[in-house]
Structure formats: structure tokens, C-alpha cells
Amino acid sequence: MRKVIVLVFLTVISCGKIFSLTPIPADPQQILNWPQQSWRDSRFEVFSWDRFPEIVIFDTVSFDMQARLFKRLAFFVEKAGFRGRLSHCAEIADLHGWNAHNYRAEDLAVFFQTARETNFPLLDEEWELEYILTRAGVLRWDPRTHRILPGRGAVLSISRERSHFNLRTRFMNHEVFHGLYFIDEDFQRFSRQRWEAFPAFARDFFIAWLQVQEYDTGYDFLVINEFMGHILQYPVANAAWYFGQHLPNLILTRSPRHSIYLPVREEIRDGRRFWPDLARVFTAEAEVFSAYVNERWGLAAGRVWR
């Protein structure tokens, strides 16, 4: 379908409909509980975090709808072998994106400006995303240079397809802390300092996990952002299980060749292999990160609302 882009007003028209959803200010907990029947659009609802309105949050009806908005961005911004280039839908159709998303203004602007400069065929939903984010100030249109430029903030997304509240809460925690990371330079500095001081064996393990998921681990900003997000997505009490048992066993199942990055010392707990050294260092790190976000914003590991 042909898209008509009116540059003066930066209006996207598709199927005869002008999309102009303004984000609804809400707390992340409110977004998780927001009645779906109250959505203004049956495909998704758009919110902004009431404390940090430059962080825009999409809740989508399905993973498929979420993918139409964000999958190509995932590959452009984060995926090994794809980062920095636009991928046609057929090229990535059988590849997994993410079940939740986060992108800062700078990367969003590069994505959409690259599509313009190369006349790359984006989906209607992707043009719609650009329009919503421009209206929200995350992106801005420069009428002098006719370019899309970064504004202020970030966009996040979760989905209703898996409606289990605990999973949606985990995704929300993970993505919201990414949003704070994007807009706060002190949080970025703190996260980098913690990563650089982290034990080498634990860094190697975490990088191996990102490689199993096909992140571009040569991009330090991304690696540190994911390090922080994984540590803060669960309460501190869950860190030993998540990093000492859950993720190592996933590595063994999904990519045995990466098992060389697991510590030699292991135990059997509840019938499963367990790595106490990973559990110890990641639990200690979760305590430090949780104390930081609590002092800074009144938040905590596993909780992005007061």
C-alpha cells in the first residue's frame, strides 16, 4: 500500500485513516492493569510514563502486531549480523525478534532517516510509529534539512499475547529500566562502572548468554544496557535462581558450545545444575543496582513503581 507523507505536517495517512494517538500519561503498574476494552485502538495502546513523559510505552494486542511495529528496529539496532542495516521482511521472517522492545531516540532517528534516504519500503505500522513518536517529541522533523532527528526519550513495548501478569511485569521492569538508562547519563556511567568492575568470569558468562540470543556483543553500549536490565528485572531474591540456575541451563539447552563460559564449580539443586559462583556475584550486583535505583528514583530491582 502506498504511503503518503506530508512533510509540512509530518502526517501519515494509511487506509484513509490519520493516526494521531497521543500517549496517555500513566504509571507502569497502571499500564499493566489498563483494561484492554478501553484501548483507543484495538491493535495497541500508547502511554507515556507519568514521571518521565519522554518515555513512551506501547502495549500491543499480539506479538505479531508488536513485530510489525518493532521487529525491523530490533535487527537494525541490536542483532548480530544485521545491526546498522535495514532488512527486508522476507530476510528476517523466520528469525526471532524480541517479545518486548526498547529503543532510544538517537537510534530511532537513524532508522527512519536511513529508510527515507534509501527509499526503503517500511510497513504502514512503522511509518505510524514514526508519526506517533514525532508527535510525542521522541523524534523531531527538521523542516530546514528535511530530516528526522532525535528528540528526547525512548520508546518501549510489551504485549498482551502472553497475559500472565508475572511475565508482563518482568518485561515491564526490564524495558522501563532500559528507558531510564537511555535518558539518564549518570545511570549510564554507573552501569558502565559496575560492568567494568564485574568479575571477568561472570562477564564472559553474560556475554555468552547475549550471543545465544544473537545480540551484537561488539556494541558495548548495548551489552552494558542489557547487563543492567537483566539484573534489575527481578527482585534481588530471584538473582541466585536466575543467574545461577535458569540462564546457565538455558545456555546448555540452546547452545552447548557456549557452555565453556560456565564456571567449573557447580552443584545440583532441586534436580537441576546450579552454579554457586554466578549466583553469588550476580546477587551482590543486584543488591548494588537496587540500592542505586532506590536512592535515585524510589524504585527497586523488580519494581518500577513506588
Protein backbone atom coordinates (compact mmCIF):
# COMPACT_ATOMS: atom_id res chain seq x y z
CA MET A 1 0.00 0.00 0.00
CA ARG A 2 1.32 3.39 -0.91
CA LYS A 3 2.06 5.77 1.97
CA VAL A 4 1.51 9.50 1.57
CA ILE A 5 3.86 11.54 3.73
CA VAL A 6 3.03 15.23 4.06
CA LEU A 7 6.32 16.66 5.24
CA VAL A 8 4.98 20.01 6.37
CA PHE A 9 2.71 18.43 8.94
CA LEU A 10 4.51 15.08 9.21
CA THR A 11 1.18 13.32 8.91
CA VAL A 12 0.92 9.65 7.97
CA ILE A 13 -2.19 8.53 6.14
CA SER A 14 -2.90 4.83 5.69
CA CYS A 15 -6.13 3.17 4.56
CA GLY A 16 -7.81 6.56 4.75
CA LYS A 17 -7.10 6.94 8.47
CA ILE A 18 -4.96 9.64 10.06
CA PHE A 19 -3.13 8.20 13.05
CA SER A 20 -2.77 10.67 15.89
CA LEU A 21 -2.72 8.74 19.16
CA THR A 22 -1.32 10.96 21.89
CA PRO A 23 0.34 8.93 24.67
CA ILE A 24 -1.73 8.61 27.84
CA PRO A 25 0.28 9.53 30.98
CA ALA A 26 0.31 6.52 33.33
CA ASP A 27 2.39 4.67 35.87
CA PRO A 28 3.88 1.35 34.64
CA GLN A 29 1.67 -0.57 37.06
CA GLN A 30 -1.39 1.19 35.67
CA ILE A 31 -0.34 0.23 32.15
CA LEU A 32 -0.10 -3.44 33.14
CA ASN A 33 -3.64 -3.29 34.53
CA TRP A 34 -5.17 -0.98 31.92
CA PRO A 35 -8.45 -2.51 30.63
CA GLN A 36 -7.92 -3.62 27.06
CA GLN A 37 -11.52 -2.79 26.22
CA SER A 38 -10.63 0.86 26.95
CA TRP A 39 -7.90 0.99 24.31
CA ARG A 40 -8.43 3.69 21.71
CA ASP A 41 -7.12 1.35 19.00
CA SER A 42 -7.77 -2.40 19.04
CA ARG A 43 -4.20 -3.10 17.85
CA PHE A 44 -2.35 -1.29 20.64
CA GLU A 45 -2.48 1.46 23.21
CA VAL A 46 0.17 4.14 23.66
CA PHE A 47 1.23 5.53 27.03
CA SER A 48 3.89 7.79 28.46
CA TRP A 49 5.39 7.20 31.89
CA ASP A 50 3.82 9.88 34.06
CA ARG A 51 7.09 10.50 35.95
CA PHE A 52 9.20 10.55 32.78
CA PRO A 53 6.88 11.57 29.91
CA GLU A 54 9.67 11.32 27.34
CA ILE A 55 9.50 7.52 27.79
CA VAL A 56 6.69 6.26 25.51
CA ILE A 57 5.29 2.76 26.14
CA PHE A 58 3.31 0.64 23.65
CA ASP A 59 1.15 -2.25 24.83
CA THR A 60 0.21 -4.38 21.80
CA VAL A 61 -2.58 -6.89 21.30
CA SER A 62 -0.21 -9.58 20.00
CA PHE A 63 3.41 -10.39 19.26
CA ASP A 64 2.59 -10.18 15.57
CA MET A 65 1.39 -6.61 15.89
CA GLN A 66 4.38 -5.77 18.05
CA ALA A 67 6.66 -7.23 15.38
CA ARG A 68 5.09 -5.09 12.66
CA LEU A 69 5.98 -2.04 14.72
CA PHE A 70 9.36 -3.02 16.15
CA LYS A 71 10.91 -6.21 14.72
CA ARG A 72 12.86 -4.46 11.99
CA LEU A 73 14.14 -1.96 14.56
CA ALA A 74 15.36 -4.86 16.71
CA PHE A 75 17.54 -6.12 13.88
CA PHE A 76 18.73 -2.65 12.89
CA VAL A 77 19.74 -1.67 16.43
CA GLU A 78 20.71 -4.88 18.25
CA LYS A 79 21.06 -8.07 16.21
CA ALA A 80 24.45 -9.56 15.31
CA GLY A 81 24.99 -9.53 11.56
CA PHE A 82 22.15 -7.07 11.00
CA ARG A 83 22.92 -4.02 13.14
CA GLY A 84 23.14 -0.82 11.15
CA ARG A 85 21.36 -2.02 8.02
CA LEU A 86 17.71 -2.23 7.01
CA SER A 87 16.39 -5.75 6.50
CA HIS A 88 13.55 -6.72 4.18
CA CYS A 89 10.70 -8.61 5.81
CA ALA A 90 11.43 -11.80 3.84
CA GLU A 91 15.03 -11.81 5.10
CA ILE A 92 14.05 -11.90 8.77
CA ALA A 93 10.64 -13.59 8.54
CA ASP A 94 11.85 -16.84 10.12
CA LEU A 95 14.11 -15.16 12.68
CA HIS A 96 13.05 -14.22 16.20
CA GLY A 97 12.92 -10.57 17.20
CA TRP A 98 12.02 -9.91 20.82
CA ASN A 99 8.92 -10.32 22.99
CA ALA A 100 9.49 -6.80 24.35
CA HIS A 101 11.39 -3.82 22.96
CA ASN A 102 13.33 -0.67 23.85
CA TYR A 103 14.91 1.97 21.59
CA ARG A 104 16.42 5.38 22.29
CA ALA A 105 15.70 8.50 20.27
CA GLU A 106 19.11 8.51 18.56
CA ASP A 107 18.74 5.01 17.11
CA LEU A 108 15.13 5.61 16.11
CA ALA A 109 16.12 8.72 14.17
CA VAL A 110 18.88 6.89 12.31
CA PHE A 111 16.50 4.06 11.41
CA PHE A 112 13.79 6.30 9.97
CA GLN A 113 16.17 8.73 8.28
CA THR A 114 18.04 5.83 6.65
CA ALA A 115 14.71 4.49 5.35
CA ARG A 116 13.95 7.91 3.83
CA GLU A 117 17.36 8.36 2.25
CA THR A 118 17.35 4.90 0.67
CA ASN A 119 13.64 4.88 -0.19
CA PHE A 120 13.37 1.67 1.81
CA PRO A 121 9.84 0.17 1.93
CA LEU A 122 8.71 0.35 5.55
CA LEU A 123 5.43 -1.11 6.77
CA ASP A 124 2.46 1.17 7.38
CA GLU A 125 2.80 0.43 11.09
CA GLU A 126 6.43 1.57 11.07
CA TRP A 127 5.50 4.90 9.47
CA GLU A 128 2.72 5.17 12.02
CA LEU A 129 5.24 4.57 14.80
CA GLU A 130 7.43 7.38 13.46
CA TYR A 131 4.47 9.75 13.42
CA ILE A 132 3.38 8.94 16.97
CA LEU A 133 6.93 9.33 18.28
CA THR A 134 7.35 12.63 16.46
CA ARG A 135 4.16 13.99 17.98
CA ALA A 136 5.41 12.79 21.39
CA GLY A 137 8.78 14.55 20.98
CA VAL A 138 10.93 11.42 20.93
CA LEU A 139 11.68 12.27 17.29
CA ARG A 140 11.55 15.65 15.55
CA TRP A 141 11.24 16.78 11.96
CA ASP A 142 13.70 19.45 10.83
CA PRO A 143 11.93 21.45 8.09
CA ARG A 144 15.19 23.16 7.14
CA THR A 145 17.13 20.00 6.33
CA HIS A 146 14.09 17.76 5.72
CA ARG A 147 15.50 15.18 8.12
CA ILE A 148 14.19 13.14 11.03
CA LEU A 149 16.32 13.94 14.09
CA PRO A 150 16.39 12.58 17.65
CA GLY A 151 14.22 14.41 20.10
CA ARG A 152 14.22 13.38 23.73
CA GLY A 153 13.46 9.99 25.25
CA ALA A 154 12.77 6.44 24.17
CA VAL A 155 10.06 4.01 23.13
CA LEU A 156 9.34 0.73 24.93
CA SER A 157 6.90 -2.09 24.15
CA ILE A 158 5.30 -5.08 25.82
CA SER A 159 2.43 -7.26 24.57
CA ARG A 160 -0.83 -8.74 25.79
CA GLU A 161 -0.32 -12.02 23.92
CA ARG A 162 1.12 -13.67 26.99
CA SER A 163 -1.20 -12.21 29.56
CA HIS A 164 0.35 -13.90 32.60
CA PHE A 165 0.81 -10.96 34.94
CA ASN A 166 4.20 -12.09 36.31
CA LEU A 167 5.70 -12.34 32.83
CA ARG A 168 4.29 -8.99 31.75
CA THR A 169 5.62 -7.49 34.98
CA ARG A 170 9.07 -8.89 34.25
CA PHE A 171 9.00 -7.47 30.73
CA MET A 172 7.79 -4.11 32.02
CA ASN A 173 10.53 -3.95 34.66
CA HIS A 174 13.21 -4.85 32.12
CA GLU A 175 12.07 -2.36 29.50
CA VAL A 176 11.38 0.53 31.88
CA PHE A 177 14.88 0.35 33.34
CA HIS A 178 16.18 0.47 29.76
CA GLY A 179 14.14 3.63 29.28
CA LEU A 180 15.77 5.23 32.32
CA TYR A 181 19.18 4.14 31.06
CA PHE A 182 18.54 5.89 27.74
CA ILE A 183 17.58 9.23 29.28
CA ASP A 184 19.96 9.40 32.26
CA GLU A 185 23.71 9.81 31.74
CA ASP A 186 24.54 9.18 35.41
CA PHE A 187 22.75 5.83 35.22
CA GLN A 188 24.78 5.02 32.12
CA ARG A 189 28.04 5.92 33.89
CA PHE A 190 27.09 3.91 36.97
CA SER A 191 26.17 0.86 34.86
CA ARG A 192 29.43 1.05 32.91
CA GLN A 193 31.48 1.32 36.10
CA ARG A 194 29.71 -1.71 37.58
CA TRP A 195 30.23 -3.71 34.36
CA GLU A 196 33.92 -2.88 34.15
CA ALA A 197 34.44 -3.87 37.81
CA PHE A 198 32.43 -7.08 37.46
CA PRO A 199 34.40 -10.36 37.71
CA ALA A 200 35.72 -11.46 34.33
CA PHE A 201 34.24 -14.97 34.55
CA ALA A 202 30.76 -13.51 35.14
CA ARG A 203 31.15 -11.01 32.30
CA ASP A 204 32.15 -13.84 29.96
CA PHE A 205 29.10 -15.84 31.03
CA PHE A 206 26.73 -12.93 30.46
CA ILE A 207 28.20 -12.12 27.05
CA ALA A 208 27.78 -15.79 26.12
CA TRP A 209 24.09 -15.56 27.04
CA LEU A 210 23.68 -12.47 24.85
CA GLN A 211 25.40 -14.30 21.99
CA VAL A 212 22.98 -17.20 22.36
CA GLN A 213 20.20 -14.65 21.90
CA GLU A 214 22.03 -13.19 18.87
CA TYR A 215 22.75 -9.74 20.29
CA ASP A 216 25.61 -7.82 18.72
CA THR A 217 28.02 -8.17 21.65
CA GLY A 218 30.61 -5.96 19.97
CA TYR A 219 28.44 -2.95 20.86
CA ASP A 220 29.42 -2.03 24.45
CA PHE A 221 26.52 0.39 25.00
CA LEU A 222 24.08 -2.44 24.23
CA VAL A 223 25.90 -5.06 26.33
CA ILE A 224 26.00 -2.80 29.40
CA ASN A 225 22.37 -1.81 28.91
CA GLU A 226 21.33 -5.49 28.85
CA PHE A 227 23.55 -6.28 31.85
CA MET A 228 21.70 -3.63 33.84
CA GLY A 229 18.26 -4.64 32.52
CA HIS A 230 18.68 -8.34 33.31
CA ILE A 231 19.93 -7.59 36.82
CA LEU A 232 17.04 -5.24 37.64
CA GLN A 233 14.14 -7.11 36.03
CA TYR A 234 13.64 -9.41 39.06
CA PRO A 235 13.70 -8.73 42.80
CA VAL A 236 17.13 -9.30 44.38
CA ALA A 237 15.86 -12.54 45.94
CA ASN A 238 15.47 -14.04 42.44
CA ALA A 239 19.02 -13.30 41.27
CA ALA A 240 20.58 -16.53 42.53
CA TRP A 241 18.00 -18.66 40.72
CA TYR A 242 18.01 -16.59 37.53
CA PHE A 243 21.77 -16.26 37.05
CA GLY A 244 22.93 -19.34 38.94
CA GLN A 245 20.43 -21.82 37.53
CA HIS A 246 17.97 -20.58 34.92
CA LEU A 247 20.23 -18.86 32.40
CA PRO A 248 23.11 -21.39 32.59
CA ASN A 249 20.71 -24.25 31.94
CA LEU A 250 19.21 -22.34 29.01
CA ILE A 251 22.70 -21.95 27.56
CA LEU A 252 23.27 -25.70 27.88
CA THR A 253 19.96 -26.41 26.16
CA ARG A 254 20.10 -23.82 23.38
CA SER A 255 23.81 -23.61 22.59
CA PRO A 256 26.03 -26.24 24.25
CA ARG A 257 29.11 -24.76 22.62
CA HIS A 258 28.75 -21.73 24.88
CA SER A 259 28.99 -23.98 27.96
CA ILE A 260 32.74 -23.31 28.02
CA TYR A 261 31.84 -19.97 29.62
CA LEU A 262 30.20 -21.60 32.64
CA PRO A 263 32.27 -21.84 35.84
CA VAL A 264 33.78 -25.24 36.61
CA ARG A 265 32.29 -25.40 40.10
CA GLU A 266 28.66 -26.48 40.09
CA GLU A 267 26.09 -28.19 42.30
CA ILE A 268 22.75 -29.96 41.89
CA ARG A 269 19.80 -28.10 43.40
CA ASP A 270 16.20 -29.21 43.03
CA GLY A 271 17.36 -31.74 40.47
CA ARG A 272 18.96 -29.10 38.23
CA ARG A 273 22.53 -27.95 37.70
CA PHE A 274 23.41 -24.85 39.71
CA TRP A 275 26.46 -22.56 39.59
CA PRO A 276 27.01 -21.01 43.05
CA ASP A 277 29.71 -18.56 41.97
CA LEU A 278 27.40 -16.99 39.38
CA ALA A 279 24.58 -16.88 41.93
CA ARG A 280 26.83 -15.13 44.43
CA VAL A 281 28.28 -12.39 42.25
CA PHE A 282 25.02 -11.58 40.46
CA THR A 283 23.08 -11.43 43.74
CA ALA A 284 25.64 -8.99 45.14
CA GLU A 285 25.40 -6.92 41.97
CA ALA A 286 21.59 -6.90 42.11
CA GLU A 287 21.80 -5.51 45.64
CA VAL A 288 24.07 -2.68 44.47
CA PHE A 289 21.88 -1.81 41.46
CA SER A 290 18.71 -1.99 43.51
CA ALA A 291 20.16 0.39 46.12
CA TYR A 292 21.15 2.82 43.35
CA VAL A 293 17.69 2.99 41.71
CA ASN A 294 16.05 3.17 45.12
CA GLU A 295 18.13 6.15 46.20
CA ARG A 296 17.78 7.82 42.81
CA TRP A 297 14.12 7.27 41.98
CA GLY A 298 12.47 5.31 44.81
CA LEU A 299 12.42 2.15 42.66
CA ALA A 300 13.95 -1.27 43.28
CA ALA A 301 15.05 -4.39 41.44
CA GLY A 302 11.83 -5.99 40.20
CA ARG A 303 9.72 -2.87 40.88
CA VAL A 304 9.36 0.17 38.62
CA TRP A 305 6.63 1.93 40.59
CA ARG A 306 6.55 3.38 44.09
